[in-house]
Each structure stands twice: as structure tokens, then as C-alpha cells.
Protein backbone atom coordinates (compact mmCIF):
# COMPACT_ATOMS: atom_id res chain seq x y z
CA UNK A 1 -3.61 -23.66 -83.96
CA UNK A 2 -1.24 -26.51 -82.86
CA UNK A 3 -0.10 -27.28 -79.30
CA UNK A 4 3.37 -26.16 -80.19
CA UNK A 5 2.23 -22.62 -81.41
CA UNK A 6 -0.52 -21.94 -78.97
CA UNK A 7 0.54 -19.29 -76.38
CA UNK A 8 1.08 -20.69 -72.85
CA UNK A 9 -0.34 -17.55 -71.27
CA UNK A 10 -2.63 -15.14 -73.04
CA UNK A 11 -4.63 -12.06 -71.98
CA UNK A 12 -7.27 -10.64 -74.30
CA UNK A 13 -8.79 -7.17 -73.65
CA UNK A 14 -7.93 -7.55 -69.98
CA UNK A 15 -9.09 -4.64 -67.83
CA UNK A 16 -9.28 -3.99 -64.04
CA UNK A 17 -11.05 -1.02 -62.51
CA UNK A 18 -10.98 0.19 -58.94
CA UNK A 19 -13.86 2.49 -58.08
CA UNK A 20 -14.05 3.62 -61.63
CA UNK A 21 -10.27 4.02 -62.08
CA UNK A 22 -8.91 1.83 -64.84
CA UNK A 23 -5.78 0.30 -63.37
CA UNK A 24 -5.20 -1.76 -66.55
CA UNK A 25 -7.16 -1.07 -69.73
CA UNK A 26 -7.59 -3.47 -72.64
CA UNK A 27 -4.33 -5.42 -72.28
CA UNK A 28 -3.55 -7.93 -75.02
CA UNK A 29 -0.50 -10.02 -74.20
CA UNK A 30 0.81 -13.47 -75.08
CA UNK A 31 3.62 -15.50 -73.62
CA UNK A 32 4.75 -18.62 -75.51
CA UNK A 33 5.75 -21.89 -73.88
CA UNK A 34 9.20 -21.33 -72.36
CA UNK A 35 9.00 -17.59 -73.14
CA UNK A 36 11.10 -14.92 -71.47
CA UNK A 37 9.50 -11.41 -71.18
CA UNK A 38 10.22 -8.26 -69.29
CA UNK A 39 7.65 -5.79 -68.17
CA UNK A 40 8.68 -2.19 -67.40
CA UNK A 41 7.01 1.14 -66.70
CA UNK A 42 6.95 3.91 -64.13
CA UNK A 43 5.25 3.58 -60.75
CA UNK A 44 1.47 3.42 -61.28
CA UNK A 45 1.72 2.13 -64.80
CA UNK A 46 -0.32 -0.96 -63.94
CA UNK A 47 2.31 -3.60 -63.91
CA UNK A 48 1.56 -5.18 -60.58
CA UNK A 49 -2.22 -5.01 -61.24
CA UNK A 50 -1.59 -6.88 -64.51
CA UNK A 51 0.18 -9.63 -62.59
CA UNK A 52 -2.55 -9.73 -59.97
CA UNK A 53 -5.18 -10.14 -62.68
CA UNK A 54 -3.15 -12.85 -64.39
CA UNK A 55 -2.52 -14.72 -61.18
CA UNK A 56 -6.11 -14.26 -59.88
CA UNK A 57 -5.53 -11.98 -56.88
CA UNK A 58 -7.85 -9.30 -58.44
CA UNK A 59 -10.93 -9.83 -60.54
CA UNK A 60 -10.92 -8.68 -64.16
CA UNK A 61 -13.53 -6.14 -65.01
CA UNK A 62 -13.39 -7.09 -68.64
CA UNK A 63 -11.46 -9.54 -70.86
CA UNK A 64 -10.10 -13.03 -70.56
CA UNK A 65 -7.04 -14.89 -69.33
CA UNK A 66 -6.08 -18.24 -70.84
CA UNK A 67 -3.34 -20.49 -69.50
CA UNK A 68 -2.15 -23.88 -71.00
CA UNK A 69 -5.31 -24.08 -73.08
CA UNK A 70 -7.68 -23.44 -70.10
CA UNK A 71 -9.78 -20.35 -69.71
CA UNK A 72 -8.92 -19.23 -66.14
CA UNK A 73 -10.49 -15.74 -65.93
CA UNK A 74 -12.80 -16.88 -63.10
CA UNK A 75 -10.43 -19.37 -61.39
CA UNK A 76 -9.03 -18.54 -57.97
CA UNK A 77 -5.26 -18.22 -57.43
CA UNK A 78 -4.84 -21.77 -56.05
CA UNK A 79 -6.46 -23.39 -59.08
CA UNK A 80 -4.22 -21.33 -61.43
CA UNK A 81 -1.16 -22.46 -59.40
CA UNK A 82 -2.14 -26.08 -59.79
CA UNK A 83 -2.34 -25.60 -63.55
CA UNK A 84 1.30 -24.34 -63.37
CA UNK A 85 1.03 -20.59 -63.10
CA UNK A 86 3.13 -19.22 -60.20
CA UNK A 87 3.79 -15.76 -58.95
CA UNK A 88 6.32 -14.02 -56.70
CA UNK A 89 5.77 -10.68 -54.92
CA UNK A 90 7.86 -7.50 -54.76
CA UNK A 91 7.85 -7.80 -50.92
CA UNK A 92 8.63 -11.43 -50.04
CA UNK A 93 5.89 -13.29 -48.21
CA UNK A 94 7.88 -15.88 -46.28
CA UNK A 95 6.79 -17.56 -43.09
CA UNK A 96 9.31 -15.76 -40.89
CA UNK A 97 9.17 -18.13 -37.95
CA UNK A 98 9.65 -21.25 -40.09
CA UNK A 99 12.92 -22.66 -41.50
CA UNK A 100 13.74 -22.15 -45.11
CA UNK A 101 13.04 -25.87 -45.68
CA UNK A 102 9.68 -25.72 -44.00
CA UNK A 103 8.77 -22.67 -46.16
CA UNK A 104 9.39 -24.75 -49.23
CA UNK A 105 7.38 -27.65 -47.88
CA UNK A 106 4.48 -25.31 -47.10
CA UNK A 107 4.62 -23.77 -50.62
CA UNK A 108 4.02 -26.97 -52.57
CA UNK A 109 0.52 -26.36 -54.06
CA UNK A 110 -0.70 -29.90 -53.63
CA UNK A 111 1.18 -30.77 -50.44
CA UNK A 112 -1.86 -30.68 -48.14
CA UNK A 113 -4.05 -32.65 -50.50
CA UNK A 114 -1.37 -35.32 -51.11
CA UNK A 115 -0.78 -35.62 -47.38
CA UNK A 116 -4.39 -36.30 -46.79
CA UNK A 117 -4.61 -38.84 -49.53
CA UNK A 118 -1.39 -40.55 -48.41
CA UNK A 119 -2.67 -40.68 -44.80
CA UNK A 120 -5.86 -42.35 -46.08
CA UNK A 121 -3.91 -44.87 -48.16
CA UNK A 122 -1.56 -45.82 -45.37
CA UNK A 123 1.95 -45.27 -43.97
CA UNK A 124 3.76 -46.51 -47.13
CA UNK A 125 1.99 -44.00 -49.30
CA UNK A 126 2.60 -41.26 -46.70
CA UNK A 127 6.34 -42.02 -46.71
CA UNK A 128 6.46 -41.87 -50.51
CA UNK A 129 4.60 -38.58 -50.62
CA UNK A 130 6.87 -37.08 -47.99
CA UNK A 131 10.00 -38.36 -49.78
CA UNK A 132 8.91 -36.85 -53.07
CA UNK A 133 8.26 -33.55 -51.35
CA UNK A 134 11.72 -33.69 -49.63
CA UNK A 135 13.45 -34.55 -52.92
CA UNK A 136 11.81 -31.61 -54.64
CA UNK A 137 12.77 -29.25 -51.83
CA UNK A 138 16.37 -30.46 -52.13
CA UNK A 139 16.36 -29.85 -55.88
CA UNK A 140 14.99 -26.30 -55.41
CA UNK A 141 17.45 -25.53 -52.60
CA UNK A 142 20.37 -26.54 -54.75
CA UNK A 143 19.09 -24.59 -57.72
CA UNK A 144 18.66 -21.33 -55.78
CA UNK A 145 21.79 -21.68 -53.70
CA UNK A 146 19.83 -21.80 -50.46
CA UNK A 147 20.97 -25.32 -49.40
CA UNK A 148 23.42 -23.99 -46.82
CA UNK A 149 20.71 -22.02 -45.07
CA UNK A 150 17.96 -24.61 -45.28
CA UNK A 151 17.61 -24.95 -41.50
CA UNK A 152 17.80 -21.21 -40.77
CA UNK A 153 14.70 -19.24 -39.76
CA UNK A 154 13.41 -17.52 -42.82
CA UNK A 155 12.90 -14.24 -41.05
CA UNK A 156 16.71 -14.05 -40.36
CA UNK A 157 17.69 -14.18 -44.01
CA UNK A 158 19.04 -11.15 -45.89
CA UNK A 159 16.85 -9.19 -48.32
CA UNK A 160 18.45 -10.91 -51.24
CA UNK A 161 18.11 -14.35 -49.67
CA UNK A 162 14.39 -13.66 -49.13
CA UNK A 163 14.02 -12.92 -52.75
CA UNK A 164 15.70 -16.28 -53.57
CA UNK A 165 13.39 -17.98 -51.11
CA UNK A 166 10.32 -16.27 -52.76
CA UNK A 167 11.53 -17.75 -56.03
CA UNK A 168 12.18 -21.09 -54.44
CA UNK A 169 8.71 -21.22 -53.06
CA UNK A 170 7.26 -20.58 -56.49
CA UNK A 171 9.36 -23.43 -57.93
CA UNK A 172 8.04 -26.05 -55.53
CA UNK A 173 4.91 -26.58 -57.63
CA UNK A 174 6.92 -27.33 -60.84
CA UNK A 175 5.32 -24.39 -62.57
CA UNK A 176 5.12 -23.86 -66.40
CA UNK A 177 5.32 -20.13 -65.95
CA UNK A 178 6.39 -17.75 -63.16
CA UNK A 179 5.36 -14.13 -62.89
CA UNK A 180 8.18 -12.34 -61.03
CA UNK A 181 7.33 -8.93 -59.45
CA UNK A 182 10.59 -6.86 -59.11
CA UNK A 183 12.91 -9.71 -58.17
CA UNK A 184 15.94 -7.32 -58.02
CA UNK A 185 14.41 -4.55 -55.91
CA UNK A 186 16.40 -3.90 -52.72
CA UNK A 187 19.01 -6.49 -53.66
CA UNK A 188 22.74 -5.78 -53.71
CA UNK A 189 24.64 -6.17 -57.01
CA UNK A 190 26.37 -9.40 -56.10
CA UNK A 191 22.99 -11.08 -55.35
CA UNK A 192 21.49 -9.53 -58.44
CA UNK A 193 24.06 -11.48 -60.46
CA UNK A 194 23.16 -14.60 -58.49
CA UNK A 195 19.46 -14.10 -59.22
CA UNK A 196 20.13 -13.56 -62.92
CA UNK A 197 22.13 -16.76 -62.98
CA UNK A 198 19.27 -18.68 -61.27
CA UNK A 199 16.65 -17.21 -63.58
CA UNK A 200 18.62 -18.13 -66.71
CA UNK A 201 18.97 -21.70 -65.41
CA UNK A 202 15.21 -21.89 -64.72
CA UNK A 203 14.49 -20.63 -68.16
CA UNK A 204 16.81 -23.15 -69.73
CA UNK A 205 14.65 -25.81 -68.10
CA UNK A 206 11.73 -24.68 -70.22
CA UNK A 207 9.91 -22.54 -67.64
CA UNK A 208 8.42 -19.37 -69.02
CA UNK A 209 9.31 -16.22 -67.12
CA UNK A 210 7.56 -12.91 -67.07
CA UNK A 211 9.56 -10.29 -65.07
CA UNK A 212 8.47 -6.89 -63.85
CA UNK A 213 11.51 -4.80 -62.98
CA UNK A 214 12.65 -1.18 -62.49
CA UNK A 215 16.34 -2.19 -62.75
CA UNK A 216 16.47 -1.85 -66.50
CA UNK A 217 20.06 -2.87 -66.96
CA UNK A 218 19.57 -6.13 -65.21
CA UNK A 219 16.28 -6.68 -67.15
CA UNK A 220 17.94 -5.91 -70.47
CA UNK A 221 20.61 -8.51 -69.75
CA UNK A 222 18.02 -11.20 -69.14
CA UNK A 223 15.16 -10.78 -71.58
CA UNK A 224 15.02 -10.80 -75.37
CA UNK A 225 11.52 -9.10 -75.37
CA UNK A 226 10.36 -6.10 -73.35
CA UNK A 227 6.88 -4.69 -72.83
CA UNK A 228 6.50 -1.08 -71.44
CA UNK A 229 3.26 -0.04 -69.78
CA UNK A 230 1.99 3.47 -69.11
CA UNK A 231 -1.36 4.50 -67.59
CA UNK A 232 -2.65 0.91 -67.60
CA UNK A 233 -1.87 0.23 -71.32
CA UNK A 234 1.01 -1.41 -73.22
CA UNK A 235 2.74 1.34 -75.27
CA UNK A 236 5.67 -0.68 -76.68
CA UNK A 237 6.57 -4.31 -77.21
CA UNK A 238 9.72 -5.64 -78.76
CA UNK A 239 13.47 -6.05 -78.45
CA UNK A 240 14.66 -4.08 -75.28
CA UNK A 241 16.90 -1.55 -76.96
CA UNK A 242 14.35 -0.79 -79.67
CA UNK A 243 11.51 -0.36 -77.12
CA UNK A 244 13.58 1.86 -74.83
CA UNK A 245 14.34 4.11 -77.78
CA UNK A 246 10.62 4.41 -78.55
CA UNK A 247 9.35 8.03 -78.37
CA UNK A 248 6.30 6.96 -76.39
CA UNK A 249 8.49 5.22 -73.86
CA UNK A 250 10.82 8.24 -73.54
CA UNK A 251 7.77 10.49 -72.97
CA UNK A 252 6.39 8.17 -70.34
CA UNK A 253 9.72 8.38 -68.48
CA UNK A 254 9.29 12.13 -68.44
CA UNK A 255 11.43 12.87 -71.46
CA UNK A 256 14.60 11.50 -69.88
CA UNK A 257 16.90 8.84 -71.23
CA UNK A 258 15.70 5.41 -70.07
């Protein structure tokens, strides 16, 4: 398999059990370089557990996870992040007392390491490292539309702005792939449109996106491929309209129109 055709992110037979309960069961999933994939399902379907297993927040009971040609099943989250796999959370995890800008600086995966190396090499290297970090923060602030609130305390932002900040923090490490857990949850329609615009721009830059979302209309407008989960398993995978018309998907949503 060539580098151009090898999946960027791949799960094989991935399972996670909690006290004997199979939260996800034998998941096979691949995301190509620059891919764009939605993940839907009712509450308790296993979506967030899947993300946690991919990102390293929970340990897989069975199966493997591969990213960018590396087997990462046993790697902790920070090592996966350094390889270029980032994740956002449904409930933003900002440092509320810090400014938006300082949240971005703190989120750079290699910031602490580079600062130590720069300090060892001298003031000139330290200045260059700090300048590179500041330039990246400026790029991300402009991309996400947060430049005007860069100096505001993160805890004072609106819910939608916190979702943008969560995304901005993920971007600081120049990821190859971002796992987004319900980026539109609790966000007003105007900011949903802003988030969709930002996500499309990010995808156009070649970053793969995997998006969990209950807001199906927003998700359908973003992704060309949709996976639906139920009871820890993938029950449908394909074009959004085709998937949402699937009888198994309709049954999972209690027989209603999805």
C-alpha cells in the first residue's frame, strides 16, 4: 500500500469494556488523509468512547489503532497529539482564568519542551521559539475569528466562543487530524454557521476531520460521509442521505424519521 492510499487513521477490531459492559465492540474504521467524516448515533451509542479510545483517554480492551503509519494503541494522549492527532471535547476545557491568547500558548503540544531547549541554547533561541509560538497563535486566532477577544479571560466567553476556543487550542499543534466531539452542541444558529465556515476552511487546508454531532442538519451540510453507531457498533457507513434512510438507522432512532 502506497503512502498516498494508506489511511491516516485506522481502527481495527477496536473494543472498550467497562466492568464487563462493551461500550464499543469490534469497531473497524478508517479515515484517509484529509478526510471528512461524521459520526452520529443516539445517546449511549458509544461515540464519545470511540473518540476516547482513538485519542488515548481510555485503554482499548481489544483491537488496534494506527495513525500516520504508527501503531498507537498503547501510546498516551500527549504522544498521539505530537504525531498530529488532536481532539476537542463536548464540554470545553479552557483555562477559565487565563486569556484566550494564553490558552492557545498553553495548548501547543511541544511548547514546554521547546521552551526548555530554547532556554538551554540561549536567549536568541528562546526569542525565536517564542516568536514562532506567537505567530502560530496569531494564525489560529485569525482563522477562528477570535482575534478580537484574544486578551479576554476565557471564562468570560460565550458558549459558542468557547467552542471556537476549544477548536483553536486543537489547531495549535498543527494536527493532521482533529476529532471533534459535538462542536455545535449548545451553540446558537449564527455561531453554528461560523463554526461550519471555520471547519470547511480547516478541511481545505488538508486537515482530516472526524465530527460527532447530534445536530444532523449541520452535520449533513458539512460531511460527505456519515457513520452511525448503535450499542457500541457501526450499523451504517456511507453518504449522509443514504445512511439516514437505512432501516437499521431508523430503528436505532426509535422508528422515527431521522
